[in-house]
């Protein structure tokens, strides 16, 4: 794992609210804990210590970055509108939050 990338992500308050995961040297974030929301960009490694920010799908390239901090800034810039703390549960719980007016959420 790239600890510089993890430190940069941890330094970002918006990302500290999300559920992180690392797989194949990639750093992912989810808005739920029970499965993956797949609506948040993630960071992949490129040769030479560079980063590629992709997402939310693998076919959407957000941009390349020379530093971990730049990569994390690209992730934050690609967060979905109203992205808040990860919920305990599955994507279906997010669907409910995304469709209920904010003054109706308890």
N, C-alpha and C. Protein backbone atom coordinates (compact mmCIF):
# COMPACT_ATOMS: atom_id res chain seq x y z
N UNK A 1 0.85 -1.19 0.00
CA UNK A 1 0.00 0.00 0.00
C UNK A 1 0.88 1.23 0.00
N UNK A 2 0.43 2.24 -0.67
CA UNK A 2 1.12 3.51 -0.76
C UNK A 2 0.72 4.37 0.44
N UNK A 3 1.57 4.40 1.46
CA UNK A 3 1.23 5.11 2.69
C UNK A 3 1.14 6.61 2.49
N UNK A 4 1.88 7.14 1.53
CA UNK A 4 1.76 8.57 1.21
C UNK A 4 0.34 8.89 0.72
N UNK A 5 -0.20 8.01 -0.09
CA UNK A 5 -1.56 8.18 -0.60
C UNK A 5 -2.58 8.07 0.54
N UNK A 6 -2.38 7.11 1.42
CA UNK A 6 -3.28 6.93 2.55
C UNK A 6 -3.23 8.16 3.46
N UNK A 7 -2.04 8.67 3.73
CA UNK A 7 -1.92 9.89 4.56
C UNK A 7 -2.62 11.08 3.91
N UNK A 8 -2.45 11.23 2.61
CA UNK A 8 -3.09 12.35 1.91
C UNK A 8 -4.61 12.22 1.97
N UNK A 9 -5.12 10.99 1.81
CA UNK A 9 -6.57 10.78 1.89
C UNK A 9 -7.08 11.05 3.30
N UNK A 10 -6.33 10.62 4.30
CA UNK A 10 -6.74 10.83 5.69
C UNK A 10 -6.74 12.31 6.05
N UNK A 11 -5.90 13.09 5.43
CA UNK A 11 -5.83 14.52 5.70
C UNK A 11 -7.03 15.28 5.15
N UNK A 12 -7.79 14.64 4.27
CA UNK A 12 -8.95 15.29 3.65
C UNK A 12 -10.22 14.93 4.44
N UNK A 13 -10.81 15.91 5.15
CA UNK A 13 -12.00 15.61 5.98
C UNK A 13 -13.15 14.96 5.21
N UNK A 14 -13.38 15.35 3.96
CA UNK A 14 -14.48 14.75 3.20
C UNK A 14 -14.26 13.26 2.96
N UNK A 15 -13.01 12.87 2.77
CA UNK A 15 -12.73 11.45 2.51
C UNK A 15 -12.68 10.65 3.80
N UNK A 16 -12.35 11.29 4.91
CA UNK A 16 -12.36 10.57 6.20
C UNK A 16 -13.76 10.10 6.57
N UNK A 17 -14.79 10.72 6.00
CA UNK A 17 -16.18 10.32 6.27
C UNK A 17 -16.59 9.07 5.51
N UNK A 18 -15.84 8.72 4.48
CA UNK A 18 -16.22 7.63 3.60
C UNK A 18 -15.57 6.32 4.04
N UNK A 19 -16.07 5.22 3.48
CA UNK A 19 -15.55 3.89 3.79
C UNK A 19 -14.43 3.58 2.80
N UNK A 20 -13.16 3.49 3.25
CA UNK A 20 -12.05 3.25 2.33
C UNK A 20 -11.77 1.76 2.13
N UNK A 21 -11.12 1.46 1.03
CA UNK A 21 -10.67 0.10 0.75
C UNK A 21 -9.49 0.16 -0.19
N UNK A 22 -8.60 -0.81 -0.03
CA UNK A 22 -7.46 -0.91 -0.92
C UNK A 22 -7.48 -2.28 -1.58
N UNK A 23 -7.29 -2.29 -2.89
CA UNK A 23 -7.24 -3.54 -3.63
C UNK A 23 -6.33 -3.36 -4.83
N UNK A 24 -5.40 -4.28 -5.02
CA UNK A 24 -4.47 -4.23 -6.15
C UNK A 24 -3.76 -2.88 -6.23
N UNK A 25 -3.39 -2.32 -5.09
CA UNK A 25 -2.71 -1.03 -4.97
C UNK A 25 -3.58 0.15 -5.37
N UNK A 26 -4.87 -0.06 -5.50
CA UNK A 26 -5.81 1.03 -5.78
C UNK A 26 -6.46 1.44 -4.47
N UNK A 27 -6.85 2.71 -4.36
CA UNK A 27 -7.53 3.19 -3.17
C UNK A 27 -8.93 3.61 -3.56
N UNK A 28 -9.92 2.94 -2.97
CA UNK A 28 -11.33 3.16 -3.26
C UNK A 28 -12.01 3.79 -2.05
N UNK A 29 -13.15 4.44 -2.32
CA UNK A 29 -13.98 5.01 -1.27
C UNK A 29 -15.44 4.68 -1.58
N UNK A 30 -16.22 4.45 -0.52
CA UNK A 30 -17.63 4.14 -0.71
C UNK A 30 -18.46 4.98 0.25
N UNK A 31 -19.69 5.29 -0.17
CA UNK A 31 -20.61 6.03 0.69
C UNK A 31 -21.44 5.10 1.56
N UNK A 32 -21.18 3.79 1.50
CA UNK A 32 -21.86 2.83 2.38
C UNK A 32 -20.86 1.76 2.80
N UNK A 33 -21.17 1.06 3.90
CA UNK A 33 -20.23 0.09 4.45
C UNK A 33 -20.57 -1.35 4.08
N UNK A 34 -21.79 -1.62 3.64
CA UNK A 34 -22.22 -2.99 3.39
C UNK A 34 -21.82 -3.53 2.03
N UNK A 35 -21.67 -2.66 1.07
CA UNK A 35 -21.16 -2.99 -0.26
C UNK A 35 -20.58 -1.70 -0.82
N UNK A 36 -20.33 -1.64 -2.10
CA UNK A 36 -19.70 -0.43 -2.66
C UNK A 36 -20.72 0.42 -3.38
N UNK A 37 -20.66 1.72 -3.13
CA UNK A 37 -21.59 2.64 -3.78
C UNK A 37 -21.20 2.88 -5.24
N UNK A 38 -19.93 2.72 -5.58
CA UNK A 38 -19.42 2.90 -6.94
C UNK A 38 -19.82 4.25 -7.54
N UNK A 39 -19.89 5.29 -6.72
CA UNK A 39 -20.18 6.63 -7.25
C UNK A 39 -19.12 7.64 -6.83
N UNK A 40 -17.97 7.14 -6.39
CA UNK A 40 -16.87 7.98 -5.94
C UNK A 40 -15.63 7.61 -6.76
N UNK A 41 -14.91 8.60 -7.28
CA UNK A 41 -13.67 8.28 -8.01
C UNK A 41 -12.67 7.54 -7.11
N UNK A 42 -11.76 6.82 -7.73
CA UNK A 42 -10.74 6.10 -6.97
C UNK A 42 -9.38 6.31 -7.62
N UNK A 43 -8.33 5.93 -6.89
CA UNK A 43 -6.96 6.20 -7.31
C UNK A 43 -6.26 4.90 -7.70
N UNK A 44 -5.64 4.92 -8.88
CA UNK A 44 -4.82 3.81 -9.37
C UNK A 44 -3.39 4.32 -9.48
N UNK A 45 -2.45 3.39 -9.44
CA UNK A 45 -1.04 3.76 -9.59
C UNK A 45 -0.61 3.65 -11.05
N UNK A 46 0.25 4.58 -11.43
CA UNK A 46 0.87 4.55 -12.75
C UNK A 46 2.37 4.30 -12.57
N UNK A 47 3.04 3.85 -13.60
CA UNK A 47 4.49 3.68 -13.51
C UNK A 47 5.17 5.01 -13.15
N UNK A 48 6.27 4.90 -12.46
CA UNK A 48 7.04 6.09 -12.13
C UNK A 48 6.52 6.85 -10.93
N UNK A 49 5.64 6.25 -10.15
CA UNK A 49 5.15 6.90 -8.94
C UNK A 49 4.04 7.90 -9.17
N UNK A 50 3.45 7.90 -10.34
CA UNK A 50 2.34 8.80 -10.63
C UNK A 50 1.02 8.11 -10.32
N UNK A 51 -0.07 8.87 -10.42
CA UNK A 51 -1.39 8.36 -10.08
C UNK A 51 -2.38 8.65 -11.20
N UNK A 52 -3.37 7.78 -11.32
CA UNK A 52 -4.47 7.97 -12.24
C UNK A 52 -5.75 7.93 -11.41
N UNK A 53 -6.55 8.97 -11.52
CA UNK A 53 -7.83 9.01 -10.81
C UNK A 53 -8.91 8.68 -11.82
N UNK A 54 -9.70 7.67 -11.47
CA UNK A 54 -10.70 7.11 -12.36
C UNK A 54 -12.03 7.07 -11.64
N UNK A 55 -13.09 7.24 -12.40
CA UNK A 55 -14.37 6.96 -11.78
C UNK A 55 -15.40 8.04 -11.96
N UNK A 56 -16.54 7.63 -11.53
CA UNK A 56 -16.79 6.45 -10.73
C UNK A 56 -16.61 5.12 -11.46
N UNK A 57 -16.81 5.02 -12.75
CA UNK A 57 -16.61 3.74 -13.44
C UNK A 57 -15.17 3.66 -13.95
N UNK A 58 -14.73 2.45 -14.25
CA UNK A 58 -13.37 2.25 -14.73
C UNK A 58 -13.11 2.95 -16.07
N UNK A 59 -14.15 3.28 -16.80
CA UNK A 59 -13.96 3.89 -18.12
C UNK A 59 -13.94 5.42 -18.07
N UNK A 60 -14.13 6.01 -16.90
CA UNK A 60 -14.14 7.47 -16.77
C UNK A 60 -12.84 7.94 -16.14
N UNK A 61 -11.99 8.57 -16.92
CA UNK A 61 -10.73 9.08 -16.39
C UNK A 61 -10.94 10.51 -15.92
N UNK A 62 -10.64 10.73 -14.64
CA UNK A 62 -10.74 12.07 -14.05
C UNK A 62 -9.48 12.85 -14.37
N UNK A 63 -8.32 12.21 -14.19
CA UNK A 63 -7.07 12.88 -14.49
C UNK A 63 -5.88 12.14 -13.92
N UNK A 64 -4.70 12.61 -14.30
CA UNK A 64 -3.45 12.07 -13.79
C UNK A 64 -2.85 13.06 -12.81
N UNK A 65 -2.05 12.53 -11.88
CA UNK A 65 -1.45 13.38 -10.86
C UNK A 65 -0.02 12.91 -10.59
N UNK A 66 0.84 13.89 -10.29
CA UNK A 66 2.23 13.58 -9.96
C UNK A 66 2.42 13.25 -8.49
N UNK A 67 1.52 13.74 -7.63
CA UNK A 67 1.67 13.53 -6.19
C UNK A 67 0.38 12.93 -5.62
N UNK A 68 0.53 12.35 -4.44
CA UNK A 68 -0.63 11.80 -3.75
C UNK A 68 -1.64 12.90 -3.43
N UNK A 69 -1.16 14.05 -3.02
CA UNK A 69 -2.06 15.17 -2.69
C UNK A 69 -2.86 15.62 -3.90
N UNK A 70 -2.22 15.68 -5.06
CA UNK A 70 -2.93 16.05 -6.28
C UNK A 70 -3.98 15.01 -6.64
N UNK A 71 -3.65 13.73 -6.46
CA UNK A 71 -4.61 12.67 -6.76
C UNK A 71 -5.83 12.77 -5.84
N UNK A 72 -5.59 13.01 -4.57
CA UNK A 72 -6.69 13.12 -3.61
C UNK A 72 -7.55 14.34 -3.94
N UNK A 73 -6.94 15.43 -4.36
CA UNK A 73 -7.72 16.62 -4.75
C UNK A 73 -8.63 16.29 -5.93
N UNK A 74 -8.17 15.47 -6.86
CA UNK A 74 -9.01 15.06 -7.99
C UNK A 74 -10.18 14.20 -7.52
N UNK A 75 -9.93 13.32 -6.55
CA UNK A 75 -11.02 12.51 -6.00
C UNK A 75 -12.06 13.42 -5.36
N UNK A 76 -11.61 14.34 -4.53
CA UNK A 76 -12.54 15.26 -3.84
C UNK A 76 -13.34 16.06 -4.86
N UNK A 77 -12.70 16.51 -5.91
CA UNK A 77 -13.39 17.27 -6.95
C UNK A 77 -14.44 16.46 -7.68
N UNK A 78 -14.32 15.14 -7.64
CA UNK A 78 -15.27 14.28 -8.33
C UNK A 78 -16.32 13.64 -7.42
N UNK A 79 -16.37 14.06 -6.14
CA UNK A 79 -17.38 13.50 -5.24
C UNK A 79 -18.77 13.86 -5.72
N UNK A 80 -19.73 12.95 -5.54
CA UNK A 80 -21.09 13.25 -5.96
C UNK A 80 -21.69 14.38 -5.14
N UNK A 81 -22.63 15.13 -5.70
CA UNK A 81 -23.27 16.23 -4.95
C UNK A 81 -23.87 15.71 -3.65
N UNK A 82 -23.69 16.47 -2.59
CA UNK A 82 -24.27 16.11 -1.31
C UNK A 82 -23.60 14.94 -0.64
N UNK A 83 -22.41 14.57 -1.09
CA UNK A 83 -21.71 13.43 -0.51
C UNK A 83 -21.46 13.69 0.97
N UNK A 84 -21.99 12.82 1.79
CA UNK A 84 -21.83 12.95 3.23
C UNK A 84 -21.19 11.72 3.81
N UNK A 85 -21.30 11.56 5.10
CA UNK A 85 -20.69 10.39 5.74
C UNK A 85 -21.25 9.08 5.20
N UNK A 86 -20.40 8.07 5.15
CA UNK A 86 -20.84 6.75 4.73
C UNK A 86 -21.92 6.24 5.67
N UNK A 87 -22.90 5.59 5.11
CA UNK A 87 -23.96 5.01 5.93
C UNK A 87 -23.60 3.56 6.26
N UNK A 88 -24.07 3.08 7.37
CA UNK A 88 -23.93 1.68 7.70
C UNK A 88 -25.03 0.95 6.94
N UNK A 89 -24.64 0.09 6.05
CA UNK A 89 -25.62 -0.63 5.24
C UNK A 89 -25.23 -0.67 3.79
N UNK A 90 -26.20 -1.01 2.98
CA UNK A 90 -25.98 -1.24 1.56
C UNK A 90 -26.43 -0.04 0.70
N UNK A 91 -26.14 -0.13 -0.59
CA UNK A 91 -26.47 0.94 -1.54
C UNK A 91 -27.94 1.33 -1.50
N UNK A 92 -28.81 0.38 -1.21
CA UNK A 92 -30.24 0.70 -1.19
C UNK A 92 -30.54 1.82 -0.19
N UNK A 93 -29.81 1.86 0.91
CA UNK A 93 -29.98 2.93 1.88
C UNK A 93 -29.59 4.28 1.31
N UNK A 94 -28.61 4.31 0.44
CA UNK A 94 -28.23 5.56 -0.23
C UNK A 94 -29.32 6.00 -1.18
N UNK A 95 -29.91 5.04 -1.88
CA UNK A 95 -30.99 5.38 -2.81
C UNK A 95 -32.11 6.10 -2.06
N UNK A 96 -32.42 5.64 -0.86
CA UNK A 96 -33.47 6.27 -0.06
C UNK A 96 -33.04 7.70 0.31
N UNK A 97 -31.80 7.87 0.74
CA UNK A 97 -31.32 9.21 1.11
C UNK A 97 -31.32 10.15 -0.08
N UNK A 98 -30.96 9.62 -1.25
CA UNK A 98 -30.87 10.46 -2.44
C UNK A 98 -32.24 10.90 -2.96
N UNK A 99 -33.31 10.21 -2.56
CA UNK A 99 -34.63 10.56 -3.08
C UNK A 99 -35.53 11.26 -2.08
N UNK A 100 -35.15 11.26 -0.80
CA UNK A 100 -35.96 11.89 0.23
C UNK A 100 -35.48 13.33 0.40
N UNK A 101 -36.37 14.32 0.42
CA UNK A 101 -35.95 15.69 0.64
C UNK A 101 -35.19 15.81 1.96
N UNK A 102 -34.15 16.66 2.02
CA UNK A 102 -33.30 16.76 3.22
C UNK A 102 -34.09 17.03 4.51
N UNK A 103 -35.17 17.79 4.44
CA UNK A 103 -35.92 18.09 5.67
C UNK A 103 -36.78 16.91 6.11
N UNK A 104 -36.81 15.83 5.33
CA UNK A 104 -37.60 14.65 5.69
C UNK A 104 -36.75 13.50 6.20
N UNK A 105 -35.42 13.69 6.23
CA UNK A 105 -34.53 12.64 6.71
C UNK A 105 -34.42 12.74 8.21
N UNK A 106 -34.61 11.63 8.87
CA UNK A 106 -34.58 11.62 10.34
C UNK A 106 -33.27 11.07 10.82
